[in-house]
Amino acid sequence: MKLEIIATSLRDAQATERAGADRLELCSALTEGGLTPSLGLIEAVVEGVSIPVHVIVRPHSRTFTYSEEDIQVMLSDIQHIQQTKAAGIVVGILDETKRVDIVNLKRLLDAAGHLNVTFHRAFDEIEDQLEAVDMIGDFPQIQRILTSGGQAPAPQSKEKIRSLVEKTKNTSVTILAGNGMSPNGLAEFVEATGIAEVHFGSAVREHQSFQYPINPEVITHIKSIISG
């Protein structure tokens, strides 16, 4: 059972590692849902921790349907990330019908090379998520999908997440449950969904807000729940 935590600074990252997290998602601008962090921050974090760091590649928060100019920025960011010690990237791209943009996703994956890839919560804007799993599953580079099972928070979408977990059995894709996750009810959530990886953001911070520091005790508590 893997625990991924959002980090926005080196201090976050180091506190998270010490508390026992398995992996970091590094991003900036959490008030906008998370955007690509600066190269300086990426380098500081990947040099400052030993657990895997996955960097979000998202140029703006307006839409998940990107222009050619946006894609060029993303390709450049991926090339820079590839030259660091980052373990992976977190990306998502949709076409105008809110289905997976296969053509441009392939371009991003080609640029990613050896990097581990997570398809992010753009997935939750897709109407037919089971079809989308098939489309994403055609790319072996994509190892996981971050999702809450749709527009609602993950704890309210147990049945949908369960169906996604079932859909990805015997594939190379793992479902990573995130959005609205809390230690309260976590054991029941894991049992109900069969999930193997969980993703936490504001719930592991003081006052449950990204404006405040990481609370290591909450991370340690979550680890004890999912390890039990």
C-alpha atoms as a PDB file:
ATOM      1  CA  MET A   1       0.000   0.000   0.000  1.00  0.00           C
ATOM      2  CA  LYS A   2       1.599   3.241  -1.194  1.00  0.00           C
ATOM      3  CA  LEU A   3       1.116   6.723   0.253  1.00  0.00           C
ATOM      4  CA  GLU A   4       1.718   9.751  -1.981  1.00  0.00           C
ATOM      5  CA  ILE A   5       1.773  13.257  -0.509  1.00  0.00           C
ATOM      6  CA  ILE A   6       1.644  16.648  -2.253  1.00  0.00           C
ATOM      7  CA  ALA A   7       4.686  18.826  -1.555  1.00  0.00           C
ATOM      8  CA  THR A   8       5.190  22.451  -2.554  1.00  0.00           C
ATOM      9  CA  SER A   9       8.595  23.107  -0.971  1.00  0.00           C
ATOM     10  CA  LEU A  10      11.797  21.397   0.135  1.00  0.00           C
ATOM     11  CA  ARG A  11      10.648  21.695   3.750  1.00  0.00           C
ATOM     12  CA  ASP A  12       7.376  19.917   2.871  1.00  0.00           C
ATOM     13  CA  ALA A  13       9.276  17.205   1.049  1.00  0.00           C
ATOM     14  CA  GLN A  14      11.729  16.504   3.848  1.00  0.00           C
ATOM     15  CA  ALA A  15       9.040  16.495   6.540  1.00  0.00           C
ATOM     16  CA  THR A  16       6.950  14.138   4.428  1.00  0.00           C
ATOM     17  CA  GLU A  17       9.823  11.735   3.882  1.00  0.00           C
ATOM     18  CA  ARG A  18      10.698  11.674   7.585  1.00  0.00           C
ATOM     19  CA  ALA A  19       7.073  10.892   8.428  1.00  0.00           C
ATOM     20  CA  GLY A  20       7.114   7.795   6.230  1.00  0.00           C
ATOM     21  CA  ALA A  21       5.497   8.738   2.900  1.00  0.00           C
ATOM     22  CA  ASP A  22       6.387   6.551  -0.073  1.00  0.00           C
ATOM     23  CA  ARG A  23       6.297   9.161  -2.826  1.00  0.00           C
ATOM     24  CA  LEU A  24       5.905  12.900  -3.435  1.00  0.00           C
ATOM     25  CA  GLU A  25       3.905  14.824  -5.992  1.00  0.00           C
ATOM     26  CA  LEU A  26       5.693  18.149  -6.391  1.00  0.00           C
ATOM     27  CA  CYS A  27       3.728  21.143  -7.594  1.00  0.00           C
ATOM     28  CA  SER A  28       3.179  24.860  -7.131  1.00  0.00           C
ATOM     29  CA  ALA A  29       0.041  27.040  -7.006  1.00  0.00           C
ATOM     30  CA  LEU A  30      -2.176  24.660  -5.057  1.00  0.00           C
ATOM     31  CA  THR A  31      -4.903  27.306  -4.988  1.00  0.00           C
ATOM     32  CA  GLU A  32      -5.155  26.663  -8.749  1.00  0.00           C
ATOM     33  CA  GLY A  33      -5.143  22.902  -8.357  1.00  0.00           C
ATOM     34  CA  GLY A  34      -1.393  22.507  -8.822  1.00  0.00           C
ATOM     35  CA  LEU A  35       0.856  23.838 -11.590  1.00  0.00           C
ATOM     36  CA  THR A  36       4.362  23.041 -12.846  1.00  0.00           C
ATOM     37  CA  PRO A  37       6.933  24.041 -10.194  1.00  0.00           C
ATOM     38  CA  SER A  38      10.091  25.973 -11.008  1.00  0.00           C
ATOM     39  CA  LEU A  39      13.202  24.109 -12.132  1.00  0.00           C
ATOM     40  CA  GLY A  40      15.024  25.455  -9.078  1.00  0.00           C
ATOM     41  CA  LEU A  41      12.448  23.923  -6.741  1.00  0.00           C
ATOM     42  CA  ILE A  42      12.482  20.626  -8.622  1.00  0.00           C
ATOM     43  CA  GLU A  43      16.259  20.382  -8.340  1.00  0.00           C
ATOM     44  CA  ALA A  44      16.236  21.293  -4.636  1.00  0.00           C
ATOM     45  CA  VAL A  45      13.626  18.672  -3.781  1.00  0.00           C
ATOM     46  CA  VAL A  46      15.026  15.774  -5.813  1.00  0.00           C
ATOM     47  CA  GLU A  47      18.457  16.430  -4.298  1.00  0.00           C
ATOM     48  CA  GLY A  48      17.006  16.840  -0.804  1.00  0.00           C
ATOM     49  CA  VAL A  49      15.016  13.609  -0.415  1.00  0.00           C
ATOM     50  CA  SER A  50      15.549   9.959  -1.262  1.00  0.00           C
ATOM     51  CA  ILE A  51      11.941   8.902  -1.941  1.00  0.00           C
ATOM     52  CA  PRO A  52      10.583   9.163  -5.518  1.00  0.00           C
ATOM     53  CA  VAL A  53       9.500  12.632  -6.635  1.00  0.00           C
ATOM     54  CA  HIS A  54       6.871  12.977  -9.366  1.00  0.00           C
ATOM     55  CA  VAL A  55       6.563  16.474 -10.819  1.00  0.00           C
ATOM     56  CA  ILE A  56       3.289  17.831 -12.153  1.00  0.00           C
ATOM     57  CA  VAL A  57       3.452  19.239 -15.679  1.00  0.00           C
ATOM     58  CA  ARG A  58       0.521  21.626 -16.000  1.00  0.00           C
ATOM     59  CA  PRO A  59       1.131  25.063 -17.528  1.00  0.00           C
ATOM     60  CA  HIS A  60      -2.093  26.729 -16.334  1.00  0.00           C
ATOM     61  CA  SER A  61      -5.403  25.970 -14.634  1.00  0.00           C
ATOM     62  CA  ARG A  62      -7.803  27.229 -17.309  1.00  0.00           C
ATOM     63  CA  THR A  63      -8.457  23.892 -19.010  1.00  0.00           C
ATOM     64  CA  PHE A  64      -7.032  20.433 -19.662  1.00  0.00           C
ATOM     65  CA  THR A  65      -7.415  20.994 -23.407  1.00  0.00           C
ATOM     66  CA  TYR A  66      -4.132  22.545 -24.432  1.00  0.00           C
ATOM     67  CA  SER A  67      -3.100  24.720 -27.371  1.00  0.00           C
ATOM     68  CA  GLU A  68       0.005  23.966 -29.422  1.00  0.00           C
ATOM     69  CA  GLU A  69       1.773  26.756 -27.529  1.00  0.00           C
ATOM     70  CA  ASP A  70       0.847  25.097 -24.225  1.00  0.00           C
ATOM     71  CA  ILE A  71       2.110  21.740 -25.463  1.00  0.00           C
ATOM     72  CA  GLN A  72       5.440  23.227 -26.497  1.00  0.00           C
ATOM     73  CA  VAL A  73       5.835  24.616 -22.965  1.00  0.00           C
ATOM     74  CA  MET A  74       4.978  21.205 -21.500  1.00  0.00           C
ATOM     75  CA  LEU A  75       7.462  19.444 -23.771  1.00  0.00           C
ATOM     76  CA  SER A  76      10.175  21.860 -22.711  1.00  0.00           C
ATOM     77  CA  ASP A  77       9.324  21.369 -19.026  1.00  0.00           C
ATOM     78  CA  ILE A  78       9.448  17.585 -19.428  1.00  0.00           C
ATOM     79  CA  GLN A  79      12.861  17.781 -21.073  1.00  0.00           C
ATOM     80  CA  HIS A  80      14.162  19.842 -18.149  1.00  0.00           C
ATOM     81  CA  ILE A  81      12.625  17.471 -15.595  1.00  0.00           C
ATOM     82  CA  GLN A  82      14.196  14.510 -17.373  1.00  0.00           C
ATOM     83  CA  GLN A  83      17.629  16.005 -16.710  1.00  0.00           C
ATOM     84  CA  THR A  84      17.038  16.030 -12.934  1.00  0.00           C
ATOM     85  CA  LYS A  85      16.765  13.119 -10.503  1.00  0.00           C
ATOM     86  CA  ALA A  86      12.965  13.230 -10.609  1.00  0.00           C
ATOM     87  CA  ALA A  87      11.428   9.758 -10.831  1.00  0.00           C
ATOM     88  CA  GLY A  88       8.366  10.747 -12.795  1.00  0.00           C
ATOM     89  CA  ILE A  89       5.877  13.270 -14.091  1.00  0.00           C
ATOM     90  CA  VAL A  90       2.165  13.822 -13.540  1.00  0.00           C
ATOM     91  CA  VAL A  91       0.286  14.881 -16.686  1.00  0.00           C
ATOM     92  CA  GLY A  92      -3.153  14.843 -18.247  1.00  0.00           C
ATOM     93  CA  ILE A  93      -4.511  16.120 -21.533  1.00  0.00           C
ATOM     94  CA  LEU A  94      -8.021  16.052 -23.006  1.00  0.00           C
ATOM     95  CA  ASP A  95      -9.448  16.861 -26.416  1.00  0.00           C
ATOM     96  CA  GLU A  96     -12.358  19.215 -27.006  1.00  0.00           C
ATOM     97  CA  THR A  97     -14.859  16.405 -26.362  1.00  0.00           C
ATOM     98  CA  LYS A  98     -13.260  15.750 -22.942  1.00  0.00           C
ATOM     99  CA  ARG A  99     -11.809  12.419 -23.967  1.00  0.00           C
ATOM    100  CA  VAL A 100      -8.126  11.515 -23.675  1.00  0.00           C
ATOM    101  CA  ASP A 101      -6.140  13.439 -26.312  1.00  0.00           C
ATOM    102  CA  ILE A 102      -4.230  10.416 -27.596  1.00  0.00           C
ATOM    103  CA  VAL A 103      -2.180  12.262 -30.214  1.00  0.00           C
ATOM    104  CA  ASN A 104      -0.772  14.900 -27.888  1.00  0.00           C
ATOM    105  CA  LEU A 105      -0.481  12.516 -24.938  1.00  0.00           C
ATOM    106  CA  LYS A 106       1.846  10.409 -27.084  1.00  0.00           C
ATOM    107  CA  ARG A 107       3.988  13.480 -27.762  1.00  0.00           C
ATOM    108  CA  LEU A 108       4.337  14.131 -24.040  1.00  0.00           C
ATOM    109  CA  LEU A 109       5.167  10.492 -23.337  1.00  0.00           C
ATOM    110  CA  ASP A 110       7.771  10.400 -26.094  1.00  0.00           C
ATOM    111  CA  ALA A 111       9.448  13.394 -24.451  1.00  0.00           C
ATOM    112  CA  ALA A 112       9.237  11.749 -21.015  1.00  0.00           C
ATOM    113  CA  GLY A 113      11.536   8.895 -21.987  1.00  0.00           C
ATOM    114  CA  HIS A 114      12.445   6.865 -18.881  1.00  0.00           C
ATOM    115  CA  LEU A 115      10.231   8.844 -16.497  1.00  0.00           C
ATOM    116  CA  ASN A 116       7.403   7.143 -14.616  1.00  0.00           C
ATOM    117  CA  VAL A 117       4.058   8.719 -15.605  1.00  0.00           C
ATOM    118  CA  THR A 118       0.833   9.367 -13.689  1.00  0.00           C
ATOM    119  CA  PHE A 119      -2.269  10.561 -15.573  1.00  0.00           C
ATOM    120  CA  HIS A 120      -3.701  13.211 -13.261  1.00  0.00           C
ATOM    121  CA  ARG A 121      -7.191  14.329 -12.307  1.00  0.00           C
ATOM    122  CA  ALA A 122      -8.005  15.593 -15.778  1.00  0.00           C
ATOM    123  CA  PHE A 123      -9.310  12.011 -15.782  1.00  0.00           C
ATOM    124  CA  ASP A 124     -12.181  13.131 -13.535  1.00  0.00           C
ATOM    125  CA  GLU A 125     -13.577  15.380 -16.266  1.00  0.00           C
ATOM    126  CA  ILE A 126     -14.022  12.366 -18.556  1.00  0.00           C
ATOM    127  CA  GLU A 127     -17.564  11.016 -18.779  1.00  0.00           C
ATOM    128  CA  ASP A 128     -16.738   7.435 -19.791  1.00  0.00           C
ATOM    129  CA  GLN A 129     -13.907   6.626 -17.421  1.00  0.00           C
ATOM    130  CA  LEU A 130     -13.856   2.907 -18.189  1.00  0.00           C
ATOM    131  CA  GLU A 131     -13.242   3.677 -21.865  1.00  0.00           C
ATOM    132  CA  ALA A 132     -10.541   6.148 -20.804  1.00  0.00           C
ATOM    133  CA  VAL A 133      -8.785   3.424 -18.795  1.00  0.00           C
ATOM    134  CA  ASP A 134      -8.539   1.375 -21.993  1.00  0.00           C
ATOM    135  CA  MET A 135      -7.123   4.347 -23.899  1.00  0.00           C
ATOM    136  CA  ILE A 136      -4.578   5.134 -21.195  1.00  0.00           C
ATOM    137  CA  GLY A 137      -3.731   1.451 -20.835  1.00  0.00           C
ATOM    138  CA  ASP A 138      -2.454   1.426 -24.412  1.00  0.00           C
ATOM    139  CA  PHE A 139       0.562   3.395 -23.131  1.00  0.00           C
ATOM    140  CA  PRO A 140       2.779   1.167 -20.918  1.00  0.00           C
ATOM    141  CA  GLN A 141       4.652   4.278 -19.745  1.00  0.00           C
ATOM    142  CA  ILE A 142       1.587   5.382 -17.772  1.00  0.00           C
ATOM    143  CA  GLN A 143       1.732   3.469 -14.523  1.00  0.00           C
ATOM    144  CA  ARG A 144      -1.124   5.056 -12.612  1.00  0.00           C
ATOM    145  CA  ILE A 145      -4.234   7.219 -12.813  1.00  0.00           C
ATOM    146  CA  LEU A 146      -4.935   9.772 -10.072  1.00  0.00           C
ATOM    147  CA  THR A 147      -8.692   9.962  -9.629  1.00  0.00           C
ATOM    148  CA  SER A 148     -11.556  10.525  -7.227  1.00  0.00           C
ATOM    149  CA  GLY A 149     -13.846   8.514  -9.494  1.00  0.00           C
ATOM    150  CA  GLY A 150     -15.419  11.631 -11.020  1.00  0.00           C
ATOM    151  CA  GLN A 151     -16.339  15.126  -9.887  1.00  0.00           C
ATOM    152  CA  ALA A 152     -17.174  14.185  -6.283  1.00  0.00           C
ATOM    153  CA  PRO A 153     -14.505  13.667  -3.594  1.00  0.00           C
ATOM    154  CA  ALA A 154     -13.050  10.158  -3.475  1.00  0.00           C
ATOM    155  CA  PRO A 155     -14.761   9.096  -0.216  1.00  0.00           C
ATOM    156  CA  GLN A 156     -18.135   9.736  -1.904  1.00  0.00           C
ATOM    157  CA  SER A 157     -17.217   7.670  -4.967  1.00  0.00           C
ATOM    158  CA  LYS A 158     -16.349   4.265  -3.516  1.00  0.00           C
ATOM    159  CA  GLU A 159     -18.349   2.267  -6.078  1.00  0.00           C
ATOM    160  CA  LYS A 160     -16.860   4.135  -9.038  1.00  0.00           C
ATOM    161  CA  ILE A 161     -13.339   3.734  -7.707  1.00  0.00           C
ATOM    162  CA  ARG A 162     -13.982   0.052  -7.069  1.00  0.00           C
ATOM    163  CA  SER A 163     -15.046  -0.373 -10.711  1.00  0.00           C
ATOM    164  CA  LEU A 164     -11.872   1.387 -11.880  1.00  0.00           C
ATOM    165  CA  VAL A 165      -9.725  -0.841  -9.660  1.00  0.00           C
ATOM    166  CA  GLU A 166     -11.467  -3.904 -11.126  1.00  0.00           C
ATOM    167  CA  LYS A 167     -10.990  -2.551 -14.647  1.00  0.00           C
ATOM    168  CA  THR A 168      -7.237  -2.143 -14.163  1.00  0.00           C
ATOM    169  CA  LYS A 169      -6.634  -5.596 -12.685  1.00  0.00           C
ATOM    170  CA  ASN A 170      -4.106  -7.554 -14.751  1.00  0.00           C
ATOM    171  CA  THR A 171      -2.938  -4.349 -16.459  1.00  0.00           C
ATOM    172  CA  SER A 172       0.116  -2.144 -15.942  1.00  0.00           C
ATOM    173  CA  VAL A 173      -2.066   0.705 -14.610  1.00  0.00           C
ATOM    174  CA  THR A 174      -2.718   1.315 -10.902  1.00  0.00           C
ATOM    175  CA  ILE A 175      -5.539   3.502  -9.571  1.00  0.00           C
ATOM    176  CA  LEU A 176      -4.308   6.193  -7.158  1.00  0.00           C
ATOM    177  CA  ALA A 177      -7.226   7.551  -5.106  1.00  0.00           C
ATOM    178  CA  GLY A 178      -7.110  11.246  -4.276  1.00  0.00           C
ATOM    179  CA  ASN A 179      -9.208  14.359  -3.567  1.00  0.00           C
ATOM    180  CA  GLY A 180     -11.029  14.731  -0.292  1.00  0.00           C
ATOM    181  CA  MET A 181      -9.119  11.914   1.355  1.00  0.00           C
ATOM    182  CA  SER A 182      -8.989  11.890   5.162  1.00  0.00           C
ATOM    183  CA  PRO A 183      -7.628   9.524   7.814  1.00  0.00           C
ATOM    184  CA  ASN A 184     -11.195   9.284   9.120  1.00  0.00           C
ATOM    185  CA  GLY A 185     -12.839   6.333   7.403  1.00  0.00           C
ATOM    186  CA  LEU A 186      -9.673   5.489   5.465  1.00  0.00           C
ATOM    187  CA  ALA A 187      -9.542   1.826   6.479  1.00  0.00           C
ATOM    188  CA  GLU A 188     -13.161   1.377   5.382  1.00  0.00           C
ATOM    189  CA  PHE A 189     -12.449   3.223   2.112  1.00  0.00           C
ATOM    190  CA  VAL A 190      -9.492   0.966   1.305  1.00  0.00           C
ATOM    191  CA  GLU A 191     -11.507  -2.158   2.070  1.00  0.00           C
ATOM    192  CA  ALA A 192     -14.507  -0.991   0.022  1.00  0.00           C
ATOM    193  CA  THR A 193     -12.501   0.011  -3.058  1.00  0.00           C
ATOM    194  CA  GLY A 194      -9.593  -2.440  -3.109  1.00  0.00           C
ATOM    195  CA  ILE A 195      -7.297   0.508  -3.750  1.00  0.00           C
ATOM    196  CA  ALA A 196      -3.516  -0.022  -3.526  1.00  0.00           C
ATOM    197  CA  GLU A 197      -2.337   3.612  -3.529  1.00  0.00           C
ATOM    198  CA  VAL A 198      -3.686   6.766  -1.848  1.00  0.00           C
ATOM    199  CA  HIS A 199      -2.893  10.447  -2.410  1.00  0.00           C
ATOM    200  CA  PHE A 200      -3.212  13.142   0.266  1.00  0.00           C
ATOM    201  CA  GLY A 201      -2.963  16.926   0.079  1.00  0.00           C
ATOM    202  CA  SER A 202      -4.427  19.434   2.515  1.00  0.00           C
ATOM    203  CA  ALA A 203      -5.538  16.739   4.988  1.00  0.00           C
ATOM    204  CA  VAL A 204      -1.921  16.191   6.096  1.00  0.00           C
ATOM    205  CA  ARG A 205      -1.322  19.878   6.879  1.00  0.00           C
ATOM    206  CA  GLU A 206      -1.945  21.968   9.940  1.00  0.00           C
ATOM    207  CA  HIS A 207      -5.529  23.291   9.854  1.00  0.00           C
ATOM    208  CA  GLN A 208      -6.111  21.151   6.721  1.00  0.00           C
ATOM    209  CA  SER A 209      -4.908  24.038   4.558  1.00  0.00           C
ATOM    210  CA  PHE A 210      -2.111  24.424   2.011  1.00  0.00           C
ATOM    211  CA  GLN A 211      -1.348  27.745   3.670  1.00  0.00           C
ATOM    212  CA  TYR A 212       0.107  25.805   6.619  1.00  0.00           C
ATOM    213  CA  PRO A 213       2.978  23.323   7.079  1.00  0.00           C
ATOM    214  CA  ILE A 214       2.907  19.547   6.857  1.00  0.00           C
ATOM    215  CA  ASN A 215       1.729  17.784  10.022  1.00  0.00           C
ATOM    216  CA  PRO A 216       4.004  14.716  10.233  1.00  0.00           C
ATOM    217  CA  GLU A 217       1.825  13.061  12.872  1.00  0.00           C
ATOM    218  CA  VAL A 218      -1.067  12.824  10.420  1.00  0.00           C
ATOM    219  CA  ILE A 219       1.152  11.172   7.803  1.00  0.00           C
ATOM    220  CA  THR A 220       2.437   8.700  10.380  1.00  0.00           C
ATOM    221  CA  HIS A 221      -1.159   7.975  11.406  1.00  0.00           C
ATOM    222  CA  ILE A 222      -2.197   7.364   7.784  1.00  0.00           C
ATOM    223  CA  LYS A 223       0.756   5.019   7.287  1.00  0.00           C
ATOM    224  CA  SER A 224      -0.283   3.034  10.345  1.00  0.00           C
ATOM    225  CA  ILE A 225      -3.826   2.707   8.963  1.00  0.00           C
ATOM    226  CA  ILE A 226      -2.816   1.523   5.493  1.00  0.00           C
ATOM    227  CA  SER A 227      -0.076  -0.735   6.823  1.00  0.00           C
ATOM    228  CA  GLY A 228      -2.408  -2.417   9.279  1.00  0.00           C
END
